[in-house]
Amino acid sequence: MSPLSPKDLQVAPDKQSHPAGTVAVEQAIFTSARTSSKDGYQLVAWSPGISSEDARTLAVWGPAHDSMIVDDPSDVSLNFHPLGDHKFCVSRTVLGSAEYSGRGGRQVYTHCFILDAASFRKFQNDPFRVLSAALAIHDLRPGAELPTDLPSLKMLPSGPPVDPGLIRFFDSPVQQQSLVAWTHHAMTSKKLMFTGGYNDRFMTVFFNLLPVSVRPQFSFSTRLRYSPRRNFKLIGLANDIDEQKKAARQEGCSVFQFDSPARAPEASRHPWATWVQVALCHREPDEAARLIGEVPLTTRLEDLSAIGNRLRVAMSGRRIKEAATAPAASTPLVVPEENTDKDELLVLVERALDGDVTALERLNATWCAQPDRQLESLRQDCARHFVSLSKEKQFEPGSKGAVAVEILSLILRVSP
């Protein structure tokens, strides 16, 4: 692997590599090294736009020895946080070569990208777009030698405020239920630690479903050990029990288990989480993306409850209006099964409670892909059957049945 050096990162003359619309992005590398100024974890290289104040703040946020939860050179931690009042840092942390000091383990190597607020807005305030643009320019893995200085970068933002493809990606009931529950807890927690079967796609879709103006409010880290000096709002702790216990002792921290997500009843769920449920299960990603993208840039975090209710009504109202004006003989958008009747739907409920994912997806399609009024009486019958069955069965937390109860309660809009 070739070393990451200023020469590697040097950009070409303006006419060749600086097309219109590019933005300036500063960079810095924080890792363990012996330099002329000090030994240990420090900024070893930075671009000209990094001020001394920026450098001090980056050193506070920078992860040091043994900060990665998993001791795996292929593991990657993605991180995002404010840098002062008007700048933001998006970073990528990996394990590098062996520690120079000989104390064992590998150096923790963090590559930071720093943007001012105006530049970040051109990336739709989405840290994942910044990382994608950085990865498109260079291999960000640590090289055999550490660089001593870095140039400023020119990156090209792309894409609309909301990507319909990312909404389309979460099309299974299990994924939808987890994301809805996680969104509720992210909206209502001072700090939220998440554990279990998490992957970075959840964070990507979560940001994509937020209005552009509030995205900077959700700083995050993934796969770093908890540290009170790194004041992230969303904290991914993998499945490390000791880290979970340490973080849970912090005041105001909540914990979300991806493998057995706690459900919030619809009546007490944050309205933006309910809107996310509607946006996912209506399966009209282009319309959902348009509605979120049109939320004003003056929107504040505290405005999301009212806006979530408005967007939910707007999408559901549009579907009902279209159904009322559609020709009577038109084919439903989704037919769960040829000649499906009440008895067959009740059987699907029973199969779903036994962990049959196919049954869950068919039930989800029945009530999420068609206007509710077309099958409302059948939904009520299925809801009553579900409540009766769930009371009879005793499921262990985290079991397939318990997860199915959480998902079915969302699909049928009823509490067991």
Foldseek 3Di string as FASTA:
>chain_A
DAADAQVLQDDDDCVPPPDPQWDWKKKWKWKADDDPVHGATATQEIAPVQDPLQRVQCSLQDDWPPFFLDQDQVDKKWWKAARPDFKIKTKIWGFAAFHPVPPTGTMIMMMIIMDGNVNCVSLLVASVQVVVQVVVRDDPGHHPDHYRYHHIDITHHDDANADLVLLLVPQFLLSLLLLLLVLQCLLVFQAEEEEEPDDCSSVNSSLRLAASQASNVATEMARTQDDVSNDGRYYYPYHDPVSVVVVVPDPRYHYAYSLFGDDDAPVPGQLLSVLSSLCNLLSPSVLSSVLSSPDDSVDYSVCSSVSSVVNSCVVLVVQVVCVVPDDPPDDQPDDLDVPDDLVNLLVLLVVLLVQDSSSLSSLSCVCNNHRCVVCVVSLVVSQVSNVVVVVVDDDDRSDSNSSSQSSSCSSSSHHD
